[in-house]
Amino acid sequence: MDLPDLATFDEHGRPTRITSFFNSMLPFTTLRERAKLAFDDLPAEAWDVPRLPADTGEYSAKPNFAYSPALSFDSPVLRKNVSPEPVSSRVLGHATSVYGARQWNEFSLVRGEKRIGYFDGDIKGRPVSIACVLRFDEGNLADITACARPWSAALAIYSRIKGRLGEELGPEYFWAAQPDYESYL
């Protein structure tokens, strides 16, 4: 699978379309709400949040790489990094059960122990794209920094992770001001 065009340009080199990713849920939510007010001429479907089926609590742990015992995960939907491996792999497993099996694109930049990867998933027929900076230590995945798009898919992941692991992780991993998924329907 090839990396999709993250930007397109006209014949003069001016951007005509840019795909944006984010790494922090609440600041992006705030930006989205401001944009929604500023661009009130856009059709309602531009801001659409698709209705999800009931949460089954399904858990899918199918890592693509061996994990370091100290694995740290900087998720786009959590307020702070999740570490060490037992906790970070649980968060990754629950996120995977929301967006489906990772379908990695051929795109991969490698610099020493770091790689940049890109994968797609699917949340009830809606695509979610995640770009990651992966750092390896002795062949094991040690750090993940992920960025996601679109916001509605990340919101679905955020709400499901909060519902499933909120008590286990604690309130410091979630933004008090971030409404849950159902608030936007």
Protein backbone atom coordinates (compact mmCIF):
# COMPACT_ATOMS: atom_id res chain seq x y z
CA MET A 1 0.00 0.00 0.00
CA ASP A 2 1.37 3.43 -0.88
CA LEU A 3 1.36 6.45 1.39
CA PRO A 4 -1.57 8.68 0.47
CA ASP A 5 -0.88 12.23 -0.60
CA LEU A 6 -0.69 14.27 2.59
CA ALA A 7 -0.79 17.48 0.54
CA THR A 8 -1.63 18.46 -3.03
CA PHE A 9 -0.49 21.55 -4.88
CA ASP A 10 -1.64 23.51 -7.92
CA GLU A 11 0.52 24.22 -10.97
CA HIS A 12 2.09 27.23 -9.17
CA GLY A 13 3.15 25.18 -6.16
CA ARG A 14 0.42 26.56 -3.88
CA PRO A 15 -1.20 24.04 -1.53
CA THR A 16 -4.75 23.06 -2.47
CA ARG A 17 -5.23 20.35 0.18
CA ILE A 18 -3.35 19.55 3.39
CA THR A 19 -3.98 16.54 5.62
CA SER A 20 -3.37 17.47 9.25
CA PHE A 21 -2.56 15.18 12.16
CA PHE A 22 -2.62 15.99 15.87
CA ASN A 23 -1.01 14.57 18.98
CA SER A 24 -3.13 16.09 21.71
CA MET A 25 -6.91 15.63 21.91
CA LEU A 26 -8.17 18.62 23.95
CA PRO A 27 -6.20 21.39 22.19
CA PHE A 28 -7.37 20.03 18.85
CA THR A 29 -10.97 19.85 20.12
CA THR A 30 -10.72 23.51 21.12
CA LEU A 31 -9.35 24.41 17.67
CA ARG A 32 -12.12 22.40 15.98
CA GLU A 33 -14.85 24.21 17.93
CA ARG A 34 -13.36 27.60 17.03
CA ALA A 35 -13.11 26.59 13.37
CA LYS A 36 -16.71 25.36 13.43
CA LEU A 37 -17.84 28.83 14.57
CA ALA A 38 -15.60 30.65 12.09
CA PHE A 39 -16.62 28.52 9.09
CA ASP A 40 -20.36 28.43 9.64
CA ASP A 41 -20.96 28.18 5.88
CA LEU A 42 -19.57 24.62 5.70
CA PRO A 43 -22.17 21.85 5.45
CA ALA A 44 -23.12 20.02 8.66
CA GLU A 45 -21.48 16.79 7.43
CA ALA A 46 -18.08 18.54 7.58
CA TRP A 47 -18.39 18.28 11.38
CA ASP A 48 -20.12 14.89 11.44
CA VAL A 49 -19.35 12.40 14.22
CA PRO A 50 -20.51 8.93 13.16
CA ARG A 51 -22.57 6.91 15.63
CA LEU A 52 -20.65 3.91 16.97
CA PRO A 53 -22.08 0.53 17.88
CA ALA A 54 -22.26 -0.38 21.57
CA ASP A 55 -18.86 -1.03 23.11
CA THR A 56 -18.25 -4.76 23.51
CA GLY A 57 -15.07 -4.29 25.53
CA GLU A 58 -13.26 -6.39 22.95
CA TYR A 59 -9.51 -6.56 23.46
CA SER A 60 -7.05 -7.14 20.62
CA ALA A 61 -3.34 -7.43 21.39
CA LYS A 62 -1.49 -8.11 18.17
CA PRO A 63 1.75 -6.15 18.30
CA ASN A 64 3.71 -5.65 15.10
CA PHE A 65 7.02 -5.48 17.00
CA ALA A 66 8.46 -6.99 20.17
CA TYR A 67 8.01 -4.56 23.09
CA SER A 68 10.70 -3.33 25.44
CA PRO A 69 9.81 -3.84 29.14
CA ALA A 70 9.99 -0.06 29.51
CA LEU A 71 7.72 0.69 26.49
CA SER A 72 6.44 4.28 26.63
CA PHE A 73 3.40 5.27 24.54
CA ASP A 74 2.63 8.93 23.78
CA SER A 75 -0.93 8.54 22.52
CA PRO A 76 -2.82 11.29 20.67
CA VAL A 77 -5.84 10.58 22.87
CA LEU A 78 -4.26 10.52 26.34
CA ARG A 79 -3.06 13.44 28.37
CA LYS A 80 0.28 11.86 29.31
CA ASN A 81 2.57 9.01 28.29
CA VAL A 82 1.65 5.50 29.32
CA SER A 83 4.48 3.33 30.64
CA PRO A 84 5.87 0.67 31.35
CA GLU A 85 5.02 -2.17 28.96
CA PRO A 86 2.22 -3.98 30.78
CA VAL A 87 0.11 -0.78 30.90
CA SER A 88 1.16 0.67 27.52
CA SER A 89 0.48 -2.63 25.74
CA ARG A 90 -3.02 -2.77 27.31
CA VAL A 91 -3.80 0.73 26.02
CA LEU A 92 -2.47 -0.20 22.56
CA GLY A 93 -4.52 -3.42 22.58
CA HIS A 94 -7.74 -1.63 23.49
CA ALA A 95 -7.11 1.09 20.89
CA THR A 96 -6.50 -1.60 18.26
CA SER A 97 -9.84 -3.22 19.09
CA VAL A 98 -11.56 0.12 18.32
CA TYR A 99 -9.87 0.88 14.98
CA GLY A 100 -9.17 -2.66 13.78
CA ALA A 101 -6.01 -4.35 12.62
CA ARG A 102 -3.21 -2.01 11.67
CA GLN A 103 -2.76 -1.82 7.93
CA TRP A 104 0.77 -0.42 7.68
CA ASN A 105 1.64 1.56 4.59
CA GLU A 106 4.92 1.05 2.75
CA PHE A 107 6.01 4.47 4.01
CA SER A 108 8.81 4.15 6.54
CA LEU A 109 11.68 6.51 7.24
CA VAL A 110 14.54 5.00 9.20
CA ARG A 111 17.25 6.89 11.07
CA GLY A 112 19.29 4.74 13.42
CA GLU A 113 16.96 3.35 16.06
CA LYS A 114 14.05 5.58 14.95
CA ARG A 115 11.44 4.95 12.30
CA ILE A 116 8.46 6.89 11.09
CA GLY A 117 5.54 4.70 10.16
CA TYR A 118 2.03 5.31 8.92
CA PHE A 119 -1.01 3.08 9.19
CA ASP A 120 -4.73 3.12 8.54
CA GLY A 121 -7.61 1.58 10.47
CA ASP A 122 -11.36 1.63 10.24
CA ILE A 123 -13.97 2.68 12.79
CA LYS A 124 -17.42 1.68 11.54
CA GLY A 125 -16.60 2.45 7.93
CA ARG A 126 -14.76 5.66 8.76
CA PRO A 127 -11.00 5.72 8.20
CA VAL A 128 -8.55 6.62 10.91
CA SER A 129 -4.93 7.35 9.99
CA ILE A 130 -2.11 7.31 12.49
CA ALA A 131 1.48 8.42 11.96
CA CYS A 132 4.03 7.21 14.49
CA VAL A 133 7.60 7.90 15.48
CA LEU A 134 8.93 4.58 16.73
CA ARG A 135 12.18 4.24 18.70
CA PHE A 136 13.76 0.82 19.11
CA ASP A 137 16.21 -0.35 21.76
CA GLU A 138 18.11 -3.55 20.99
CA GLY A 139 15.45 -4.53 18.44
CA ASN A 140 12.49 -3.98 20.81
CA LEU A 141 10.00 -1.15 20.47
CA ALA A 142 10.83 1.26 23.32
CA ASP A 143 8.93 4.50 22.53
CA ILE A 144 5.90 5.34 20.42
CA THR A 145 4.77 8.87 19.67
CA ALA A 146 1.55 8.79 17.66
CA CYS A 147 -0.44 11.44 15.81
CA ALA A 148 -3.95 10.82 14.50
CA ARG A 149 -6.61 12.03 12.11
CA PRO A 150 -9.50 12.73 11.76
CA TRP A 151 -10.64 14.17 15.05
CA SER A 152 -13.93 12.21 15.12
CA ALA A 153 -12.07 8.88 14.92
CA ALA A 154 -9.64 9.93 17.64
CA LEU A 155 -12.58 11.04 19.77
CA ALA A 156 -14.09 7.57 19.40
CA ILE A 157 -10.82 6.00 20.54
CA TYR A 158 -10.51 8.49 23.43
CA SER A 159 -14.03 7.79 24.68
CA ARG A 160 -13.63 4.02 24.46
CA ILE A 161 -10.24 4.04 26.20
CA LYS A 162 -11.63 6.31 28.93
CA GLY A 163 -14.66 4.05 29.38
CA ARG A 164 -12.59 0.87 29.49
CA LEU A 165 -9.43 1.95 31.31
CA GLY A 166 -10.39 5.23 32.99
CA GLU A 167 -10.39 3.84 36.53
CA GLU A 168 -7.28 1.75 35.95
CA LEU A 169 -5.26 4.62 34.47
CA GLY A 170 -6.74 7.39 36.63
CA PRO A 171 -8.03 10.89 35.86
CA GLU A 172 -4.54 12.29 35.19
CA TYR A 173 -4.59 10.51 31.80
CA PHE A 174 -7.78 12.25 30.61
CA TRP A 175 -8.81 15.90 30.15
CA ALA A 176 -11.66 16.92 32.42
CA ALA A 177 -12.85 19.46 29.82
CA GLN A 178 -12.92 16.96 26.91
CA PRO A 179 -16.52 15.84 26.31
CA ASP A 180 -17.04 12.16 25.56
CA TYR A 181 -18.10 10.88 22.17
CA GLU A 182 -21.84 10.83 22.90
CA SER A 183 -21.81 14.61 23.59
CA TYR A 184 -21.19 15.31 19.89
CA LEU A 185 -23.99 13.16 18.45
